[in-house]
N, C-alpha and C. Protein backbone atom coordinates (compact mmCIF):
# COMPACT_ATOMS: atom_id res chain seq x y z
N MET A 1 68.46 -46.74 59.95
CA MET A 1 68.42 -46.65 58.50
C MET A 1 68.85 -47.96 57.85
N ALA A 2 69.70 -48.73 58.51
CA ALA A 2 70.18 -49.98 57.92
C ALA A 2 69.04 -50.95 57.64
N ASP A 3 68.07 -51.04 58.56
CA ASP A 3 66.93 -51.93 58.33
C ASP A 3 66.11 -51.47 57.13
N GLN A 4 65.95 -50.17 57.00
CA GLN A 4 65.19 -49.63 55.87
C GLN A 4 65.92 -49.91 54.56
N THR A 5 67.23 -49.78 54.56
CA THR A 5 68.02 -50.07 53.36
C THR A 5 67.92 -51.55 53.01
N LYS A 6 68.02 -52.40 54.01
CA LYS A 6 67.92 -53.85 53.78
C LYS A 6 66.55 -54.21 53.21
N ARG A 7 65.49 -53.65 53.77
CA ARG A 7 64.13 -53.92 53.26
C ARG A 7 63.99 -53.43 51.83
N ALA A 8 64.53 -52.25 51.55
CA ALA A 8 64.44 -51.70 50.19
C ALA A 8 65.21 -52.57 49.21
N ALA A 9 66.38 -53.07 49.61
CA ALA A 9 67.17 -53.95 48.74
C ALA A 9 66.42 -55.25 48.46
N ARG A 10 65.82 -55.82 49.48
CA ARG A 10 65.05 -57.05 49.29
C ARG A 10 63.84 -56.82 48.40
N PHE A 11 63.17 -55.68 48.57
CA PHE A 11 62.05 -55.35 47.70
C PHE A 11 62.52 -55.20 46.26
N LEU A 12 63.67 -54.58 46.08
CA LEU A 12 64.24 -54.42 44.74
C LEU A 12 64.47 -55.79 44.09
N MET A 13 65.01 -56.73 44.85
CA MET A 13 65.25 -58.09 44.32
C MET A 13 63.94 -58.73 43.90
N TRP A 14 62.94 -58.62 44.77
CA TRP A 14 61.65 -59.22 44.50
C TRP A 14 61.01 -58.58 43.26
N ALA A 15 61.06 -57.25 43.17
CA ALA A 15 60.45 -56.54 42.04
C ALA A 15 61.15 -56.90 40.73
N MET A 16 62.48 -56.97 40.74
CA MET A 16 63.21 -57.35 39.53
C MET A 16 62.90 -58.79 39.14
N TYR A 17 62.81 -59.66 40.12
CA TYR A 17 62.48 -61.06 39.85
C TYR A 17 61.11 -61.19 39.20
N ARG A 18 60.14 -60.48 39.76
CA ARG A 18 58.78 -60.52 39.21
C ARG A 18 58.73 -59.93 37.81
N ALA A 19 59.44 -58.84 37.60
CA ALA A 19 59.41 -58.17 36.30
C ALA A 19 60.08 -58.99 35.21
N THR A 20 61.02 -59.84 35.58
CA THR A 20 61.76 -60.63 34.59
C THR A 20 61.34 -62.09 34.56
N ASP A 21 60.33 -62.45 35.34
CA ASP A 21 59.94 -63.87 35.47
C ASP A 21 61.13 -64.72 35.89
N GLY A 22 62.02 -64.14 36.70
CA GLY A 22 63.17 -64.87 37.22
C GLY A 22 64.31 -65.03 36.24
N GLU A 23 64.21 -64.43 35.08
CA GLU A 23 65.28 -64.56 34.09
C GLU A 23 66.35 -63.48 34.29
N CYS A 24 67.52 -63.75 33.79
CA CYS A 24 68.62 -62.80 33.88
C CYS A 24 68.47 -61.76 32.78
N ARG A 25 68.12 -60.54 33.16
CA ARG A 25 67.98 -59.44 32.21
C ARG A 25 68.57 -58.18 32.81
N TRP A 26 69.17 -57.37 31.99
CA TRP A 26 69.73 -56.10 32.43
C TRP A 26 68.65 -55.04 32.43
N TRP A 27 68.65 -54.21 33.49
CA TRP A 27 67.69 -53.12 33.63
C TRP A 27 68.44 -51.81 33.77
N GLY A 28 68.07 -50.85 32.95
CA GLY A 28 68.65 -49.51 33.06
C GLY A 28 68.06 -48.78 34.25
N LEU A 29 68.91 -48.06 34.96
CA LEU A 29 68.46 -47.29 36.12
C LEU A 29 68.16 -45.86 35.72
N PRO A 30 67.15 -45.27 36.31
CA PRO A 30 66.90 -43.84 36.07
C PRO A 30 68.11 -43.02 36.52
N THR A 31 68.27 -41.87 35.94
CA THR A 31 69.44 -41.05 36.28
C THR A 31 69.31 -40.40 37.64
N LYS A 32 68.10 -40.13 38.08
CA LYS A 32 67.90 -39.48 39.38
C LYS A 32 67.20 -40.44 40.33
N LEU A 33 67.98 -41.02 41.24
CA LEU A 33 67.44 -41.92 42.25
C LEU A 33 67.56 -41.26 43.61
N ASN A 34 66.63 -41.57 44.50
CA ASN A 34 66.75 -41.01 45.85
C ASN A 34 67.82 -41.75 46.64
N ASN A 35 68.18 -41.21 47.78
CA ASN A 35 69.26 -41.78 48.59
C ASN A 35 68.97 -43.22 49.01
N LEU A 36 67.74 -43.49 49.42
CA LEU A 36 67.40 -44.84 49.86
C LEU A 36 67.58 -45.85 48.73
N THR A 37 67.16 -45.51 47.54
CA THR A 37 67.31 -46.41 46.40
C THR A 37 68.78 -46.63 46.08
N ASN A 38 69.57 -45.58 46.09
CA ASN A 38 71.02 -45.73 45.86
C ASN A 38 71.66 -46.61 46.93
N GLU A 39 71.27 -46.42 48.18
CA GLU A 39 71.80 -47.25 49.27
C GLU A 39 71.36 -48.70 49.11
N ALA A 40 70.12 -48.92 48.70
CA ALA A 40 69.60 -50.28 48.50
C ALA A 40 70.36 -50.99 47.38
N ILE A 41 70.64 -50.28 46.31
CA ILE A 41 71.41 -50.87 45.21
C ILE A 41 72.81 -51.21 45.67
N ALA A 42 73.45 -50.30 46.39
CA ALA A 42 74.80 -50.55 46.90
C ALA A 42 74.80 -51.76 47.85
N TYR A 43 73.78 -51.85 48.70
CA TYR A 43 73.63 -52.98 49.63
C TYR A 43 73.53 -54.29 48.85
N ALA A 44 72.69 -54.28 47.81
CA ALA A 44 72.50 -55.49 46.99
C ALA A 44 73.77 -55.85 46.23
N VAL A 45 74.49 -54.88 45.74
CA VAL A 45 75.76 -55.14 45.03
C VAL A 45 76.77 -55.74 46.00
N ASP A 46 76.87 -55.16 47.21
CA ASP A 46 77.81 -55.67 48.21
C ASP A 46 77.55 -57.13 48.56
N ARG A 47 76.29 -57.52 48.53
CA ARG A 47 75.93 -58.90 48.87
C ARG A 47 75.85 -59.80 47.64
N ARG A 48 76.20 -59.23 46.49
CA ARG A 48 76.22 -59.95 45.21
C ARG A 48 74.85 -60.47 44.81
N TRP A 49 73.81 -59.69 45.17
CA TRP A 49 72.45 -60.01 44.74
C TRP A 49 72.21 -59.47 43.35
N VAL A 50 72.91 -58.40 43.00
CA VAL A 50 72.83 -57.82 41.66
C VAL A 50 74.24 -57.45 41.21
N VAL A 51 74.35 -57.32 39.90
CA VAL A 51 75.57 -56.80 39.29
C VAL A 51 75.21 -55.42 38.74
N LEU A 52 76.07 -54.45 38.97
CA LEU A 52 75.87 -53.09 38.49
C LEU A 52 76.93 -52.80 37.45
N LYS A 53 76.50 -52.38 36.26
CA LYS A 53 77.44 -52.07 35.19
C LYS A 53 76.84 -50.99 34.31
N ASP A 54 77.58 -49.90 34.13
CA ASP A 54 77.14 -48.83 33.23
C ASP A 54 75.71 -48.37 33.51
N ASN A 55 75.40 -48.16 34.79
CA ASN A 55 74.10 -47.68 35.22
C ASN A 55 72.96 -48.65 34.89
N ARG A 56 73.30 -49.94 34.83
CA ARG A 56 72.31 -51.00 34.64
C ARG A 56 72.54 -52.06 35.70
N VAL A 57 71.48 -52.75 36.09
CA VAL A 57 71.58 -53.82 37.08
C VAL A 57 71.00 -55.10 36.52
N CYS A 58 71.50 -56.20 37.06
CA CYS A 58 71.01 -57.52 36.67
C CYS A 58 71.05 -58.41 37.91
N LEU A 59 70.00 -59.19 38.11
CA LEU A 59 69.98 -60.14 39.23
C LEU A 59 71.03 -61.22 39.03
N THR A 60 71.64 -61.61 40.10
CA THR A 60 72.55 -62.76 40.08
C THR A 60 71.76 -63.99 40.53
N ASP A 61 72.40 -65.13 40.52
CA ASP A 61 71.73 -66.34 41.02
C ASP A 61 71.35 -66.15 42.49
N ALA A 62 72.23 -65.52 43.26
CA ALA A 62 71.94 -65.28 44.68
C ALA A 62 70.74 -64.35 44.83
N GLY A 63 70.63 -63.35 43.98
CA GLY A 63 69.49 -62.44 44.01
C GLY A 63 68.19 -63.15 43.65
N ARG A 64 68.25 -64.01 42.66
CA ARG A 64 67.05 -64.78 42.27
C ARG A 64 66.65 -65.73 43.39
N ASP A 65 67.63 -66.39 44.01
CA ASP A 65 67.32 -67.28 45.14
C ASP A 65 66.66 -66.53 46.27
N LEU A 66 67.18 -65.35 46.58
CA LEU A 66 66.61 -64.53 47.65
C LEU A 66 65.17 -64.14 47.31
N ALA A 67 64.94 -63.73 46.09
CA ALA A 67 63.59 -63.33 45.66
C ALA A 67 62.61 -64.50 45.73
N GLU A 68 63.06 -65.67 45.35
CA GLU A 68 62.20 -66.86 45.38
C GLU A 68 61.79 -67.21 46.80
N ARG A 69 62.68 -66.97 47.75
CA ARG A 69 62.38 -67.27 49.16
C ARG A 69 61.46 -66.23 49.77
N GLY A 70 61.33 -65.09 49.11
CA GLY A 70 60.44 -64.04 49.61
C GLY A 70 61.16 -63.15 50.49
């Protein structure tokens, strides 16, 4: 499951990067997320790829760098 979580977290970084054109923007999270998505967000927060605040996420510089590398 760890590989699946890691892939989902990386996809999340890439999708947020594409949606924001690489800019720092806060995104509200849906209230009902599946377990994999919750784990992916937690994984990304632990690695400081995103910041989570009040059910919103924002890419960090590290998250943008990761997304740019693919």
